Amino acid sequence: MNSIALPAPRQALADRLSTLLYTRRGLLLALLLTPPLLWFGVIYLGSLFSLLANSFFSLDDFTGQVVREVGFGNFIEIFTPTNLDVALRSTLMAISVTVACVLIGFPIAYYMARYARGPLKALLYVAVMLPLWSSYLVRLYAWKLLLAKEGAISWVMQSLHLQWLLDALLSIPVLGGNSLSFSPMGTFLVFVYMWLPFMILPIMAAIERIPGSFLEASGDLGASPAQTFRQVSLPLAMPGIAAGSIFTFSLTLGDYIIPQVIGNSTLYIGQVVYRQQGVAGNLPFAAAFSLVPIVIIGVYLWLAKRKGAFDAL
């Protein structure tokens, strides 16, 4: 039985198109990148420019309507002591969470990359990724129950006769509160739990890319394991640390749900933006204040890029 052949004109057109795309790789790349870049330019950048435009407007206190007249009142208001305090508090929290994630995540990532093998490595992978498979809100409210005054953590501390230690921690000014679920300390703990996987995975990827010959050469030259770690492993793992810190820092800085559920009345950048836009209806000031984390993260990304963070993403 004869096979069915394509019509000659259609086949010739397909051959010419295939030849054109094969010989001009730039054209093929342009065709592949045009849809996502178009979406990025129109939707993402368009939204940012709209946000920037709204930040120059103002709100009429009498009518509650947006006055579309260009001004800089919103940006001046950002530099009031109250708003600067919110920005500083949010930045310090983001830095603290990032540092804690590095201290906790690096040993885990190092063990997974260097020593874990077979089923154990797969188990550790699942353990790291498992929290991400459940709902963000479910995990958050589970932590609220754990950190409550009558929660599991308080019960364990009482059973171990360490309630005095918990009370001492909660009595620390600025960090403490009525309970862990109503304190900046509890907010910090939940932030670390939520974003820790985003630190472990980039560090592990960076450590796995370190050639074993580098470590062998360091040992052959007389370096001790501690010297090899400090002078070889740690510097080569820095891009992974910087890459993970991009996630933990930016996610902490922009989150408003965790401080709203876990913590006291202390405000962070995300909460101020949410309240100004969703409660007060002051969209221009919310737009201006939302530029603060964008600027902070932009500076942070510039610093991280100098450490080679994007090479490990």
Protein backbone atom coordinates (compact mmCIF):
# COMPACT_ATOMS: atom_id res chain seq x y z
CA MET A 1 0.00 0.00 0.00
CA ASN A 2 1.39 3.38 -0.99
CA SER A 3 1.90 5.88 1.86
CA ILE A 4 -0.04 9.10 1.70
CA ALA A 5 2.27 11.96 0.73
CA LEU A 6 1.79 15.60 1.62
CA PRO A 7 0.83 17.92 -1.20
CA ALA A 8 3.88 19.33 -2.90
CA PRO A 9 3.22 23.05 -2.14
CA ARG A 10 2.61 22.39 1.57
CA GLN A 11 5.67 20.17 1.86
CA ALA A 12 7.83 22.73 0.06
CA LEU A 13 6.62 25.48 2.40
CA ALA A 14 7.39 23.34 5.46
CA ASP A 15 10.86 22.56 4.10
CA ARG A 16 11.62 26.24 3.47
CA LEU A 17 10.36 27.21 6.93
CA SER A 18 12.42 24.46 8.58
CA THR A 19 15.52 25.53 6.66
CA LEU A 20 14.95 29.16 7.55
CA LEU A 21 14.64 28.43 11.27
CA TYR A 22 17.64 26.10 11.20
CA THR A 23 19.95 28.52 9.44
CA ARG A 24 18.80 31.58 11.37
CA ARG A 25 18.90 30.57 15.00
CA GLY A 26 18.26 34.15 16.09
CA LEU A 27 14.87 34.09 14.37
CA LEU A 28 13.86 30.90 16.16
CA LEU A 29 14.96 32.37 19.49
CA ALA A 30 12.96 35.55 18.79
CA LEU A 31 9.83 33.53 18.02
CA LEU A 32 10.21 31.57 21.26
CA LEU A 33 10.87 34.63 23.43
CA THR A 34 8.34 37.04 21.94
CA PRO A 35 5.21 35.73 23.79
CA PRO A 36 6.74 35.67 27.29
CA LEU A 37 8.54 38.98 26.76
CA LEU A 38 5.33 40.54 25.47
CA TRP A 39 3.50 39.32 28.57
CA PHE A 40 6.35 40.57 30.76
CA GLY A 41 6.39 43.97 29.11
CA VAL A 42 2.65 44.59 28.97
CA ILE A 43 1.37 42.94 32.13
CA TYR A 44 4.27 43.05 34.59
CA LEU A 45 6.06 46.24 33.63
CA GLY A 46 2.77 47.91 32.76
CA SER A 47 1.49 47.21 36.26
CA LEU A 48 4.67 48.62 37.80
CA PHE A 49 4.45 51.80 35.73
CA SER A 50 0.78 52.14 36.68
CA LEU A 51 1.79 51.75 40.32
CA LEU A 52 4.45 54.41 39.91
CA ALA A 53 1.98 56.78 38.23
CA ASN A 54 -0.57 56.37 41.03
CA SER A 55 2.05 57.16 43.65
CA PHE A 56 2.25 60.76 42.36
CA PHE A 57 -1.49 61.34 42.88
CA SER A 58 -3.24 62.22 46.14
CA LEU A 59 -6.44 61.47 48.02
CA ASP A 60 -9.08 64.11 48.70
CA ASP A 61 -9.75 63.92 52.44
CA PHE A 62 -13.31 65.24 52.02
CA THR A 63 -14.62 63.18 49.11
CA GLY A 64 -12.28 60.20 49.40
CA GLN A 65 -11.60 60.38 45.65
CA VAL A 66 -8.21 60.15 43.99
CA VAL A 67 -7.02 63.55 42.75
CA ARG A 68 -5.05 62.97 39.58
CA GLU A 69 -2.65 65.86 39.99
CA VAL A 70 1.08 65.21 40.06
CA GLY A 71 2.69 65.82 43.43
CA PHE A 72 5.30 64.45 45.81
CA GLY A 73 3.31 64.49 49.03
CA ASN A 74 3.19 60.70 49.31
CA PHE A 75 6.94 60.37 49.01
CA ILE A 76 7.47 63.09 51.61
CA GLU A 77 5.12 61.26 53.97
CA ILE A 78 7.19 58.08 53.63
CA PHE A 79 10.03 59.86 55.45
CA THR A 80 7.95 60.59 58.54
CA PRO A 81 9.29 58.87 61.70
CA THR A 82 6.40 56.39 61.85
CA ASN A 83 6.80 55.16 58.28
CA LEU A 84 10.59 55.07 58.50
CA ASP A 85 10.22 52.95 61.64
CA VAL A 86 8.03 50.49 59.71
CA ALA A 87 10.53 50.29 56.85
CA LEU A 88 13.46 49.80 59.24
CA ARG A 89 11.61 47.14 61.26
CA SER A 90 10.67 45.23 58.10
CA THR A 91 14.23 45.36 56.78
CA LEU A 92 15.72 44.17 60.08
CA MET A 93 13.21 41.31 60.21
CA ALA A 94 14.09 40.30 56.63
CA ILE A 95 17.82 40.38 57.43
CA SER A 96 17.32 38.39 60.66
CA VAL A 97 15.25 35.73 58.90
CA THR A 98 17.82 35.48 56.11
CA VAL A 99 20.71 35.04 58.55
CA ALA A 100 18.78 32.41 60.54
CA CYS A 101 17.91 30.51 57.36
CA VAL A 102 21.60 30.48 56.36
CA LEU A 103 22.72 29.20 59.77
CA ILE A 104 20.07 26.46 59.80
CA GLY A 105 19.98 25.63 56.12
CA PHE A 106 23.69 25.47 55.31
CA PRO A 107 24.50 22.39 57.47
CA ILE A 108 21.43 20.59 56.11
CA ALA A 109 22.31 21.46 52.51
CA TYR A 110 25.96 20.51 53.03
CA TYR A 111 25.05 17.11 54.45
CA MET A 112 22.55 16.45 51.65
CA ALA A 113 25.05 17.40 48.95
CA ARG A 114 28.17 15.72 50.35
CA TYR A 115 27.16 12.77 52.48
CA ALA A 116 23.55 11.70 51.86
CA ARG A 117 23.17 8.94 49.29
CA GLY A 118 20.38 6.82 47.84
CA PRO A 119 17.16 6.50 49.87
CA LEU A 120 18.45 8.81 52.61
CA LYS A 121 19.00 11.65 50.15
CA ALA A 122 15.56 11.10 48.64
CA LEU A 123 14.05 11.14 52.12
CA LEU A 124 15.79 14.41 52.95
CA TYR A 125 14.59 15.90 49.67
CA VAL A 126 11.02 14.97 50.57
CA ALA A 127 11.46 16.34 54.10
CA VAL A 128 12.63 19.69 52.75
CA MET A 129 9.96 19.91 50.06
CA LEU A 130 7.04 18.45 52.02
CA PRO A 131 5.97 21.72 53.71
CA LEU A 132 5.67 23.35 50.28
CA TRP A 133 3.12 20.73 49.22
CA SER A 134 0.55 21.95 51.73
CA SER A 135 -1.39 25.20 51.79
CA TYR A 136 0.40 28.31 52.99
CA LEU A 137 -2.54 29.29 55.19
CA VAL A 138 -2.90 25.80 56.66
CA ARG A 139 0.74 25.85 57.77
CA LEU A 140 0.38 29.37 59.11
CA TYR A 141 -2.66 28.63 61.27
CA ALA A 142 -1.07 25.36 62.41
CA TRP A 143 1.83 27.41 63.73
CA LYS A 144 -0.58 29.80 65.42
CA LEU A 145 -1.98 26.84 67.38
CA LEU A 146 1.52 25.58 68.20
CA LEU A 147 2.67 28.99 69.45
CA ALA A 148 -0.48 29.82 71.42
CA LYS A 149 -0.33 30.24 75.19
CA GLU A 150 -2.05 26.87 75.61
CA GLY A 151 -0.33 25.36 72.57
CA ALA A 152 2.00 22.41 72.15
CA ILE A 153 5.22 24.38 72.58
CA SER A 154 4.08 25.86 75.89
CA TRP A 155 2.94 22.41 77.05
CA VAL A 156 6.33 20.88 76.21
CA MET A 157 8.17 23.65 78.05
CA GLN A 158 5.99 23.09 81.11
CA SER A 159 6.56 19.33 80.96
CA LEU A 160 10.32 19.88 80.88
CA HIS A 161 10.05 22.42 83.71
CA LEU A 162 11.39 25.11 81.38
CA GLN A 163 8.42 27.45 81.53
CA TRP A 164 10.67 29.98 83.28
CA LEU A 165 12.89 30.07 80.20
CA LEU A 166 9.94 30.72 77.89
CA ASP A 167 8.65 33.45 80.23
CA ALA A 168 12.11 35.03 80.27
CA LEU A 169 12.20 35.08 76.47
CA LEU A 170 8.71 36.59 76.27
CA SER A 171 9.67 39.29 78.76
CA ILE A 172 12.42 40.65 76.48
CA PRO A 173 11.43 44.15 75.29
CA VAL A 174 10.61 44.51 71.58
CA LEU A 175 10.92 40.74 70.98
CA GLY A 176 8.49 39.32 73.54
CA GLY A 177 4.78 39.51 74.21
CA ASN A 178 1.88 37.76 75.92
CA SER A 179 2.71 34.50 74.14
CA LEU A 180 4.77 33.30 71.19
CA SER A 181 1.78 33.70 68.89
CA PHE A 182 1.48 37.39 69.90
CA SER A 183 5.11 38.46 69.70
CA PRO A 184 7.69 39.47 67.10
CA MET A 185 9.64 36.40 68.22
CA GLY A 186 6.81 34.16 67.03
CA THR A 187 6.61 36.08 63.74
CA PHE A 188 10.34 35.48 63.25
CA LEU A 189 10.00 31.73 63.94
CA VAL A 190 7.19 31.34 61.40
CA PHE A 191 9.05 33.34 58.77
CA VAL A 192 12.10 31.09 59.17
CA TYR A 193 9.97 27.95 58.90
CA MET A 194 8.14 29.18 55.80
CA TRP A 195 11.17 30.24 53.79
CA LEU A 196 13.83 27.74 54.93
CA PRO A 197 13.36 25.40 51.91
CA PHE A 198 14.09 28.34 49.60
CA MET A 199 17.49 28.64 51.27
CA ILE A 200 18.40 24.96 51.46
CA LEU A 201 17.86 24.07 47.80
CA PRO A 202 20.07 26.78 46.18
CA ILE A 203 22.88 26.13 48.68
CA MET A 204 22.70 22.41 48.00
CA ALA A 205 22.80 23.02 44.24
CA ALA A 206 25.89 25.22 44.65
CA ILE A 207 27.70 22.67 46.84
CA GLU A 208 26.91 19.83 44.43
CA ARG A 209 28.61 21.80 41.64
CA ILE A 210 31.90 22.00 43.56
CA PRO A 211 34.26 19.56 41.80
CA GLY A 212 35.50 16.80 44.05
CA SER A 213 38.99 17.30 42.63
CA PHE A 214 39.14 20.71 44.34
CA LEU A 215 38.62 19.11 47.75
CA GLU A 216 41.13 16.35 46.98
CA ALA A 217 43.70 18.88 45.83
CA SER A 218 43.23 20.87 49.03
CA GLY A 219 43.82 17.74 51.09
CA ASP A 220 46.85 16.76 49.02
CA LEU A 221 48.37 20.20 49.67
CA GLY A 222 48.15 19.58 53.41
CA ALA A 223 44.99 21.45 54.31
CA SER A 224 42.93 20.11 57.18
CA PRO A 225 39.20 19.42 56.67
CA ALA A 226 38.40 22.66 58.52
CA GLN A 227 40.77 24.64 56.28
CA THR A 228 39.34 23.01 53.18
CA PHE A 229 35.85 23.99 54.29
CA ARG A 230 36.80 27.60 55.06
CA GLN A 231 38.98 28.22 52.01
CA VAL A 232 37.39 26.03 49.33
CA SER A 233 33.87 24.83 50.09
CA LEU A 234 32.48 27.95 51.75
CA PRO A 235 33.68 30.48 49.12
CA LEU A 236 32.40 28.28 46.28
CA ALA A 237 29.05 27.88 48.07
CA MET A 238 28.58 31.66 48.45
CA PRO A 239 26.62 32.01 45.17
CA GLY A 240 24.09 29.50 46.52
CA ILE A 241 23.87 31.37 49.82
CA ALA A 242 23.33 34.64 47.98
CA ALA A 243 20.71 33.04 45.72
CA GLY A 244 18.79 31.61 48.68
CA SER A 245 18.99 34.93 50.50
CA ILE A 246 17.26 36.62 47.57
CA PHE A 247 14.21 34.45 48.19
CA THR A 248 14.18 34.68 51.98
CA PHE A 249 14.85 38.41 52.08
CA SER A 250 12.33 39.44 49.44
CA LEU A 251 9.59 37.07 50.63
CA THR A 252 9.93 38.27 54.21
CA LEU A 253 10.02 41.93 53.23
CA GLY A 254 6.82 41.77 51.18
CA ASP A 255 4.72 39.37 53.26
CA TYR A 256 1.78 40.82 55.17
CA ILE A 257 -0.22 37.71 56.08
CA ILE A 258 2.21 36.18 58.59
CA PRO A 259 2.59 39.39 60.69
CA GLN A 260 -1.18 39.81 60.60
CA VAL A 261 -1.85 36.30 61.97
CA ILE A 262 1.25 35.80 64.13
CA GLY A 263 2.38 38.78 66.18
CA ASN A 264 1.10 41.81 68.01
CA SER A 265 0.08 45.21 66.69
CA THR A 266 3.57 45.86 65.31
CA LEU A 267 3.27 46.88 61.66
CA TYR A 268 5.39 45.85 58.69
CA ILE A 269 5.57 47.21 55.15
CA GLY A 270 3.08 44.73 53.70
CA GLN A 271 0.52 45.50 56.41
CA VAL A 272 0.79 49.26 55.87
CA VAL A 273 0.26 48.85 52.12
CA TYR A 274 -2.69 46.51 52.71
CA ARG A 275 -4.36 48.83 55.21
CA GLN A 276 -3.85 51.96 53.15
CA GLN A 277 -5.26 50.34 50.02
CA GLY A 278 -7.84 47.90 51.39
CA VAL A 279 -9.07 49.69 54.52
CA ALA A 280 -8.38 53.40 54.17
CA GLY A 281 -8.78 53.40 50.39
CA ASN A 282 -5.67 55.57 50.00
CA LEU A 283 -4.37 53.96 46.82
CA PRO A 284 -1.83 56.71 45.99
CA PHE A 285 -0.01 56.41 49.33
CA ALA A 286 -0.21 52.60 49.19
CA ALA A 287 1.39 52.74 45.73
CA ALA A 288 4.13 55.06 46.97
CA PHE A 289 4.85 52.97 50.06
CA SER A 290 4.92 49.74 48.03
CA LEU A 291 7.87 51.21 46.14
CA VAL A 292 9.91 51.09 49.34
CA PRO A 293 10.40 47.28 49.31
CA ILE A 294 11.03 47.43 45.56
CA VAL A 295 13.90 49.86 46.13
CA ILE A 296 15.26 47.87 49.09
CA ILE A 297 15.09 44.58 47.18
CA GLY A 298 16.67 46.26 44.14
CA VAL A 299 19.67 47.29 46.24
CA TYR A 300 19.81 43.83 47.77
CA LEU A 301 19.72 42.17 44.34
CA TRP A 302 22.56 44.40 43.18
CA LEU A 303 24.64 43.31 46.17
CA ALA A 304 23.68 39.66 45.65
CA LYS A 305 24.60 39.85 41.97
CA ARG A 306 28.10 40.88 42.93
CA LYS A 307 28.33 37.61 44.87
CA GLY A 308 27.31 35.61 41.78
CA ALA A 309 23.86 34.79 43.11
CA PHE A 310 22.25 34.58 39.69
CA ASP A 311 24.76 31.92 38.63
CA ALA A 312 23.18 29.57 41.21
CA LEU A 313 19.51 30.30 40.52
